[in-house]
Amino acid sequence: MNDSTIRDFYFGSNKYVERHVEMNGNLLCKFQCIEWSDGRLPCARNMASVVQKSHKTGKYMWYDDYVAECEAMGEGDRARHYGFHDLQEAYHQFEYIGELEDKRCMRLLLEIIQAYNEEYHSNPCEEKEIPIPDMKFFGTCVIEIQKKGKHSLPVSLKAEFYREAGMFSKCLQFDAADGRNQDEKEIIAEVQYRAIHGDRLPFVIEGCEFNKWKFRAVKRKPCPFSES
């Protein structure tokens, strides 16, 4: 996969990035940020989500449809970044009206998975109790994104999402050699090492710099189960 394709997985498709740049200026990071193993980056928190609430109906709609609505109504674009439970609500709305087959659903699933981890696993020093329905919904999203991204999702994310869902045997079915570059190969190996030890938590990849659409993994925190 090329840098443009990888960028789309982390930040959404070109039009979302271009819209953000238009509204907020250059997207290049001004600081050294961390990257989580599920692809989350702190600098992405201000990016608009792939779904937004309609000015007319209050229902969720896809981002590009929302922008078109704003322009037609002469309304300002107040697109926002949504958290896990809002995105969960959007997913169920689209499920009810039969729009989950939309190609944009892939991006929604990715946002849901990352928002779930942001909600429940953002602070390794704070253990939050996860409601069983949320845990089950997370598992459903992991299975769905594997189906929809069978030929496009980076191997590191395929393995990582299975690990986070506790599907360790599926996580271990991948070959680290299939990573797109040496950094991803090392991340896959780390993901699988943690899976072997029954670790489901996202972990931090330190020193990742988002600059000119390129990711550079430098150093990973050691697995807490490595011993000894």
C-alpha atoms as a PDB file:
ATOM      1  CA  MET A   1       0.000   0.000   0.000  1.00  0.00           C
ATOM      2  CA  ASN A   2       1.277   3.492  -0.813  1.00  0.00           C
ATOM      3  CA  ASP A   3       1.422   6.459   1.562  1.00  0.00           C
ATOM      4  CA  SER A   4      -1.782   7.962   0.142  1.00  0.00           C
ATOM      5  CA  THR A   5      -3.726   4.744   0.836  1.00  0.00           C
ATOM      6  CA  ILE A   6      -2.322   4.460   4.358  1.00  0.00           C
ATOM      7  CA  ARG A   7      -3.236   8.094   5.010  1.00  0.00           C
ATOM      8  CA  ASP A   8      -6.822   7.350   4.001  1.00  0.00           C
ATOM      9  CA  PHE A   9      -7.085   4.595   6.614  1.00  0.00           C
ATOM     10  CA  TYR A  10      -5.818   6.801   9.416  1.00  0.00           C
ATOM     11  CA  PHE A  11      -7.491  10.082   8.498  1.00  0.00           C
ATOM     12  CA  GLY A  12     -10.281   9.235   6.072  1.00  0.00           C
ATOM     13  CA  SER A  13     -10.525   9.742   2.345  1.00  0.00           C
ATOM     14  CA  ASN A  14      -8.936  12.621   0.479  1.00  0.00           C
ATOM     15  CA  LYS A  15     -11.995  14.851   0.502  1.00  0.00           C
ATOM     16  CA  TYR A  16     -12.208  14.778   4.319  1.00  0.00           C
ATOM     17  CA  VAL A  17      -8.531  15.677   4.626  1.00  0.00           C
ATOM     18  CA  GLU A  18      -8.830  18.390   1.984  1.00  0.00           C
ATOM     19  CA  ARG A  19     -11.903  19.816   3.710  1.00  0.00           C
ATOM     20  CA  HIS A  20     -10.043  19.881   7.013  1.00  0.00           C
ATOM     21  CA  VAL A  21      -7.052  21.624   5.457  1.00  0.00           C
ATOM     22  CA  GLU A  22      -9.403  24.151   3.857  1.00  0.00           C
ATOM     23  CA  MET A  23     -10.995  24.900   7.251  1.00  0.00           C
ATOM     24  CA  ASN A  24      -8.025  24.575   9.577  1.00  0.00           C
ATOM     25  CA  GLY A  25      -4.895  25.062   7.532  1.00  0.00           C
ATOM     26  CA  ASN A  26      -1.934  22.753   7.050  1.00  0.00           C
ATOM     27  CA  LEU A  27      -2.460  19.284   8.533  1.00  0.00           C
ATOM     28  CA  LEU A  28       1.217  18.593   9.181  1.00  0.00           C
ATOM     29  CA  CYS A  29       1.884  17.930  12.857  1.00  0.00           C
ATOM     30  CA  LYS A  30       3.616  20.727  14.678  1.00  0.00           C
ATOM     31  CA  PHE A  31       4.689  18.341  17.428  1.00  0.00           C
ATOM     32  CA  GLN A  32       5.981  14.827  18.012  1.00  0.00           C
ATOM     33  CA  CYS A  33       2.899  12.740  18.740  1.00  0.00           C
ATOM     34  CA  ILE A  34       2.266   9.196  19.835  1.00  0.00           C
ATOM     35  CA  GLU A  35       0.512   6.551  17.777  1.00  0.00           C
ATOM     36  CA  TRP A  36      -1.602   3.811  19.296  1.00  0.00           C
ATOM     37  CA  SER A  37      -1.527   0.306  17.875  1.00  0.00           C
ATOM     38  CA  ASP A  38      -5.084   0.743  16.527  1.00  0.00           C
ATOM     39  CA  GLY A  39      -3.933   3.735  14.475  1.00  0.00           C
ATOM     40  CA  ARG A  40      -5.175   6.511  16.748  1.00  0.00           C
ATOM     41  CA  LEU A  41      -3.192   9.744  16.676  1.00  0.00           C
ATOM     42  CA  PRO A  42      -3.791  12.699  19.029  1.00  0.00           C
ATOM     43  CA  CYS A  43      -3.668  15.099  16.095  1.00  0.00           C
ATOM     44  CA  ALA A  44      -6.703  13.382  14.551  1.00  0.00           C
ATOM     45  CA  ARG A  45      -9.054  14.284  17.395  1.00  0.00           C
ATOM     46  CA  ASN A  46     -10.043  17.533  15.747  1.00  0.00           C
ATOM     47  CA  MET A  47     -10.795  15.885  12.415  1.00  0.00           C
ATOM     48  CA  ALA A  48     -14.448  15.696  11.375  1.00  0.00           C
ATOM     49  CA  SER A  49     -16.023  12.250  11.658  1.00  0.00           C
ATOM     50  CA  VAL A  50     -17.288  10.424   8.584  1.00  0.00           C
ATOM     51  CA  VAL A  51     -20.840  10.919   9.894  1.00  0.00           C
ATOM     52  CA  GLN A  52     -22.489  14.166  10.962  1.00  0.00           C
ATOM     53  CA  LYS A  53     -25.928  15.193  12.215  1.00  0.00           C
ATOM     54  CA  SER A  54     -28.265  16.747   9.676  1.00  0.00           C
ATOM     55  CA  HIS A  55     -29.358  20.354  10.302  1.00  0.00           C
ATOM     56  CA  LYS A  56     -32.796  19.435   8.957  1.00  0.00           C
ATOM     57  CA  THR A  57     -33.606  16.154  10.672  1.00  0.00           C
ATOM     58  CA  GLY A  58     -31.107  15.733  13.492  1.00  0.00           C
ATOM     59  CA  LYS A  59     -30.344  12.289  12.065  1.00  0.00           C
ATOM     60  CA  TYR A  60     -26.883  11.079  11.141  1.00  0.00           C
ATOM     61  CA  MET A  61     -25.757  11.367   7.558  1.00  0.00           C
ATOM     62  CA  TRP A  62     -22.494  10.800   5.711  1.00  0.00           C
ATOM     63  CA  TYR A  63     -20.021  13.666   5.869  1.00  0.00           C
ATOM     64  CA  ASP A  64     -20.075  14.570   2.172  1.00  0.00           C
ATOM     65  CA  ASP A  65     -23.897  14.563   2.208  1.00  0.00           C
ATOM     66  CA  TYR A  66     -23.776  16.814   5.265  1.00  0.00           C
ATOM     67  CA  VAL A  67     -21.470  19.290   3.478  1.00  0.00           C
ATOM     68  CA  ALA A  68     -23.846  19.345   0.494  1.00  0.00           C
ATOM     69  CA  GLU A  69     -26.781  19.993   2.841  1.00  0.00           C
ATOM     70  CA  CYS A  70     -24.932  22.859   4.522  1.00  0.00           C
ATOM     71  CA  GLU A  71     -24.170  24.468   1.173  1.00  0.00           C
ATOM     72  CA  ALA A  72     -27.769  24.072  -0.048  1.00  0.00           C
ATOM     73  CA  MET A  73     -29.159  25.623   3.153  1.00  0.00           C
ATOM     74  CA  GLY A  74     -26.579  28.375   3.353  1.00  0.00           C
ATOM     75  CA  GLU A  75     -25.624  27.025   6.771  1.00  0.00           C
ATOM     76  CA  GLY A  76     -22.133  27.063   8.195  1.00  0.00           C
ATOM     77  CA  ASP A  77     -20.212  23.790   8.296  1.00  0.00           C
ATOM     78  CA  ARG A  78     -20.077  22.824  11.967  1.00  0.00           C
ATOM     79  CA  ALA A  79     -18.765  19.305  11.409  1.00  0.00           C
ATOM     80  CA  ARG A  80     -17.404  17.689  14.563  1.00  0.00           C
ATOM     81  CA  HIS A  81     -15.479  14.688  15.776  1.00  0.00           C
ATOM     82  CA  TYR A  82     -17.791  12.172  17.488  1.00  0.00           C
ATOM     83  CA  GLY A  83     -17.087   9.809  20.362  1.00  0.00           C
ATOM     84  CA  PHE A  84     -17.847   6.115  20.701  1.00  0.00           C
ATOM     85  CA  HIS A  85     -21.486   6.226  21.806  1.00  0.00           C
ATOM     86  CA  ASP A  86     -22.475   8.771  19.163  1.00  0.00           C
ATOM     87  CA  LEU A  87     -20.823   6.660  16.468  1.00  0.00           C
ATOM     88  CA  GLN A  88     -22.536   3.570  17.866  1.00  0.00           C
ATOM     89  CA  GLU A  89     -25.872   5.367  17.536  1.00  0.00           C
ATOM     90  CA  ALA A  90     -25.024   6.321  13.947  1.00  0.00           C
ATOM     91  CA  TYR A  91     -24.124   2.713  13.118  1.00  0.00           C
ATOM     92  CA  HIS A  92     -27.459   1.420  14.414  1.00  0.00           C
ATOM     93  CA  GLN A  93     -29.314   4.122  12.485  1.00  0.00           C
ATOM     94  CA  PHE A  94     -27.600   3.115   9.235  1.00  0.00           C
ATOM     95  CA  GLU A  95     -28.175  -0.549  10.082  1.00  0.00           C
ATOM     96  CA  TYR A  96     -31.903   0.128  10.481  1.00  0.00           C
ATOM     97  CA  ILE A  97     -32.232   1.926   7.138  1.00  0.00           C
ATOM     98  CA  GLY A  98     -29.981  -0.525   5.299  1.00  0.00           C
ATOM     99  CA  GLU A  99     -27.014   1.756   4.584  1.00  0.00           C
ATOM    100  CA  LEU A 100     -24.249  -0.355   6.098  1.00  0.00           C
ATOM    101  CA  GLU A 101     -23.268  -1.617   2.668  1.00  0.00           C
ATOM    102  CA  ASP A 102     -22.236   1.899   1.716  1.00  0.00           C
ATOM    103  CA  LYS A 103     -18.520   2.032   0.901  1.00  0.00           C
ATOM    104  CA  ARG A 104     -18.135   4.735   3.544  1.00  0.00           C
ATOM    105  CA  CYS A 105     -19.089   2.231   6.246  1.00  0.00           C
ATOM    106  CA  MET A 106     -15.488   0.977   6.278  1.00  0.00           C
ATOM    107  CA  ARG A 107     -14.355   4.347   7.584  1.00  0.00           C
ATOM    108  CA  LEU A 108     -17.192   4.413  10.140  1.00  0.00           C
ATOM    109  CA  LEU A 109     -16.145   1.014  11.498  1.00  0.00           C
ATOM    110  CA  LEU A 110     -12.557   2.178  11.846  1.00  0.00           C
ATOM    111  CA  GLU A 111     -13.674   5.286  13.724  1.00  0.00           C
ATOM    112  CA  ILE A 112     -15.887   3.210  16.031  1.00  0.00           C
ATOM    113  CA  ILE A 113     -13.045   0.843  16.935  1.00  0.00           C
ATOM    114  CA  GLN A 114     -10.675   3.702  17.654  1.00  0.00           C
ATOM    115  CA  ALA A 115     -13.328   5.649  19.591  1.00  0.00           C
ATOM    116  CA  TYR A 116     -14.046   2.549  21.722  1.00  0.00           C
ATOM    117  CA  ASN A 117     -10.384   2.362  22.672  1.00  0.00           C
ATOM    118  CA  GLU A 118     -10.297   6.095  23.299  1.00  0.00           C
ATOM    119  CA  GLU A 119     -13.295   5.722  25.608  1.00  0.00           C
ATOM    120  CA  TYR A 120     -12.148   2.694  27.572  1.00  0.00           C
ATOM    121  CA  HIS A 121      -8.397   2.228  27.049  1.00  0.00           C
ATOM    122  CA  SER A 122      -6.868   5.680  26.628  1.00  0.00           C
ATOM    123  CA  ASN A 123      -5.323   5.698  30.101  1.00  0.00           C
ATOM    124  CA  PRO A 124      -3.333   2.545  30.947  1.00  0.00           C
ATOM    125  CA  CYS A 125      -3.301   3.626  34.611  1.00  0.00           C
ATOM    126  CA  GLU A 126      -7.100   3.797  34.810  1.00  0.00           C
ATOM    127  CA  GLU A 127      -9.131   0.630  34.361  1.00  0.00           C
ATOM    128  CA  LYS A 128     -12.676   1.486  33.275  1.00  0.00           C
ATOM    129  CA  GLU A 129     -15.491  -1.021  33.507  1.00  0.00           C
ATOM    130  CA  ILE A 130     -16.806  -1.788  30.025  1.00  0.00           C
ATOM    131  CA  PRO A 131     -20.557  -2.470  29.698  1.00  0.00           C
ATOM    132  CA  ILE A 132     -21.174  -5.877  28.128  1.00  0.00           C
ATOM    133  CA  PRO A 133     -23.322  -4.425  25.284  1.00  0.00           C
ATOM    134  CA  ASP A 134     -20.471  -2.097  24.323  1.00  0.00           C
ATOM    135  CA  MET A 135     -18.003  -4.981  24.426  1.00  0.00           C
ATOM    136  CA  LYS A 136     -20.232  -7.102  22.185  1.00  0.00           C
ATOM    137  CA  PHE A 137     -20.761  -4.214  19.770  1.00  0.00           C
ATOM    138  CA  PHE A 138     -16.997  -3.743  19.562  1.00  0.00           C
ATOM    139  CA  GLY A 139     -16.611  -7.427  18.637  1.00  0.00           C
ATOM    140  CA  THR A 140     -19.262  -7.050  15.946  1.00  0.00           C
ATOM    141  CA  CYS A 141     -17.414  -4.071  14.451  1.00  0.00           C
ATOM    142  CA  VAL A 142     -14.122  -5.980  14.440  1.00  0.00           C
ATOM    143  CA  ILE A 143     -15.700  -8.834  12.488  1.00  0.00           C
ATOM    144  CA  GLU A 144     -17.396  -6.439  10.068  1.00  0.00           C
ATOM    145  CA  ILE A 145     -14.270  -4.421   9.333  1.00  0.00           C
ATOM    146  CA  GLN A 146     -12.358  -7.635   8.630  1.00  0.00           C
ATOM    147  CA  LYS A 147     -14.999  -8.605   6.066  1.00  0.00           C
ATOM    148  CA  LYS A 148     -15.164  -5.221   4.389  1.00  0.00           C
ATOM    149  CA  GLY A 149     -11.416  -4.677   4.493  1.00  0.00           C
ATOM    150  CA  LYS A 150     -10.348  -8.153   3.471  1.00  0.00           C
ATOM    151  CA  HIS A 151      -8.365  -6.868   0.498  1.00  0.00           C
ATOM    152  CA  SER A 152      -7.545  -3.358   1.681  1.00  0.00           C
ATOM    153  CA  LEU A 153      -7.030  -3.126   5.460  1.00  0.00           C
ATOM    154  CA  PRO A 154      -3.320  -3.077   6.429  1.00  0.00           C
ATOM    155  CA  VAL A 155      -2.176  -6.405   7.919  1.00  0.00           C
ATOM    156  CA  SER A 156      -1.057  -4.697  11.131  1.00  0.00           C
ATOM    157  CA  LEU A 157      -4.594  -3.430  11.751  1.00  0.00           C
ATOM    158  CA  LYS A 158      -6.197  -6.758  10.834  1.00  0.00           C
ATOM    159  CA  ALA A 159      -4.047  -8.545  13.412  1.00  0.00           C
ATOM    160  CA  GLU A 160      -4.455  -5.785  15.996  1.00  0.00           C
ATOM    161  CA  PHE A 161      -8.252  -5.656  15.823  1.00  0.00           C
ATOM    162  CA  TYR A 162      -8.524  -9.439  16.220  1.00  0.00           C
ATOM    163  CA  ARG A 163      -6.175  -9.251  19.229  1.00  0.00           C
ATOM    164  CA  GLU A 164      -8.186  -6.471  20.882  1.00  0.00           C
ATOM    165  CA  ALA A 165     -11.360  -8.537  20.437  1.00  0.00           C
ATOM    166  CA  GLY A 166      -9.688 -11.541  22.090  1.00  0.00           C
ATOM    167  CA  MET A 167      -9.669 -13.532  18.842  1.00  0.00           C
ATOM    168  CA  PHE A 168      -6.059 -14.562  19.368  1.00  0.00           C
ATOM    169  CA  SER A 169      -5.977 -17.529  16.976  1.00  0.00           C
ATOM    170  CA  LYS A 170      -7.154 -15.261  14.144  1.00  0.00           C
ATOM    171  CA  CYS A 171      -4.577 -12.654  15.121  1.00  0.00           C
ATOM    172  CA  LEU A 172      -1.810 -15.251  14.875  1.00  0.00           C
ATOM    173  CA  GLN A 173      -2.839 -16.434  11.410  1.00  0.00           C
ATOM    174  CA  PHE A 174      -1.071 -13.493   9.756  1.00  0.00           C
ATOM    175  CA  ASP A 175       2.544 -13.469   8.645  1.00  0.00           C
ATOM    176  CA  ALA A 176       4.565 -10.503   9.890  1.00  0.00           C
ATOM    177  CA  ALA A 177       6.524 -10.685   6.643  1.00  0.00           C
ATOM    178  CA  ASP A 178       3.419  -9.401   4.850  1.00  0.00           C
ATOM    179  CA  GLY A 179       3.836  -5.952   6.398  1.00  0.00           C
ATOM    180  CA  ARG A 180       4.206  -3.115   3.894  1.00  0.00           C
ATOM    181  CA  ASN A 181       7.563  -2.024   5.341  1.00  0.00           C
ATOM    182  CA  GLN A 182       9.952  -2.874   8.180  1.00  0.00           C
ATOM    183  CA  ASP A 183       8.079  -0.721  10.692  1.00  0.00           C
ATOM    184  CA  GLU A 184       4.803  -2.534  10.054  1.00  0.00           C
ATOM    185  CA  LYS A 185       6.513  -5.928  10.188  1.00  0.00           C
ATOM    186  CA  GLU A 186       7.833  -5.057  13.653  1.00  0.00           C
ATOM    187  CA  ILE A 187       4.402  -3.848  14.779  1.00  0.00           C
ATOM    188  CA  ILE A 188       2.736  -7.071  13.584  1.00  0.00           C
ATOM    189  CA  ALA A 189       5.329  -9.107  15.482  1.00  0.00           C
ATOM    190  CA  GLU A 190       4.638  -7.055  18.622  1.00  0.00           C
ATOM    191  CA  VAL A 191       0.869  -7.462  18.210  1.00  0.00           C
ATOM    192  CA  GLN A 192       1.231 -11.234  17.890  1.00  0.00           C
ATOM    193  CA  TYR A 193       3.648 -11.444  20.822  1.00  0.00           C
ATOM    194  CA  ARG A 194       1.032  -9.766  23.013  1.00  0.00           C
ATOM    195  CA  ALA A 195      -1.681 -12.053  21.625  1.00  0.00           C
ATOM    196  CA  ILE A 196       0.338 -15.103  22.660  1.00  0.00           C
ATOM    197  CA  HIS A 197       0.370 -13.715  26.207  1.00  0.00           C
ATOM    198  CA  GLY A 198      -3.370 -12.994  26.215  1.00  0.00           C
ATOM    199  CA  ASP A 199      -2.951  -9.210  26.182  1.00  0.00           C
ATOM    200  CA  ARG A 200      -5.942  -7.464  24.542  1.00  0.00           C
ATOM    201  CA  LEU A 201      -5.121  -3.833  25.342  1.00  0.00           C
ATOM    202  CA  PRO A 202      -4.002  -1.316  22.721  1.00  0.00           C
ATOM    203  CA  PHE A 203      -0.408  -0.205  23.199  1.00  0.00           C
ATOM    204  CA  VAL A 204       1.535   2.907  22.380  1.00  0.00           C
ATOM    205  CA  ILE A 205       4.021   3.084  19.546  1.00  0.00           C
ATOM    206  CA  GLU A 206       6.363   5.835  20.671  1.00  0.00           C
ATOM    207  CA  GLY A 207       7.931   8.532  18.585  1.00  0.00           C
ATOM    208  CA  CYS A 208       5.617   8.358  15.581  1.00  0.00           C
ATOM    209  CA  GLU A 209       5.757  11.471  13.469  1.00  0.00           C
ATOM    210  CA  PHE A 210       3.049  12.331  10.936  1.00  0.00           C
ATOM    211  CA  ASN A 211       4.832  14.438   8.364  1.00  0.00           C
ATOM    212  CA  LYS A 212       4.093  14.753   4.649  1.00  0.00           C
ATOM    213  CA  TRP A 213       1.725  11.741   4.864  1.00  0.00           C
ATOM    214  CA  LYS A 214       4.398   9.356   6.158  1.00  0.00           C
ATOM    215  CA  PHE A 215       4.425   7.361   9.390  1.00  0.00           C
ATOM    216  CA  ARG A 216       7.719   6.499  11.034  1.00  0.00           C
ATOM    217  CA  ALA A 217       7.624   4.015  13.915  1.00  0.00           C
ATOM    218  CA  VAL A 218      10.622   4.431  16.172  1.00  0.00           C
ATOM    219  CA  LYS A 219      10.256   2.622  19.459  1.00  0.00           C
ATOM    220  CA  ARG A 220       7.558   0.526  21.073  1.00  0.00           C
ATOM    221  CA  LYS A 221       6.873   0.131  24.757  1.00  0.00           C
ATOM    222  CA  PRO A 222       7.652  -3.423  25.857  1.00  0.00           C
ATOM    223  CA  CYS A 223       4.865  -5.914  26.395  1.00  0.00           C
ATOM    224  CA  PRO A 224       3.963  -5.939  30.114  1.00  0.00           C
ATOM    225  CA  PHE A 225       3.919  -9.736  29.975  1.00  0.00           C
ATOM    226  CA  SER A 226       7.438 -10.050  28.570  1.00  0.00           C
ATOM    227  CA  GLU A 227       9.321 -11.307  31.206  1.00  0.00           C
ATOM    228  CA  SER A 228      11.529 -12.215  32.762  1.00  0.00           C
END
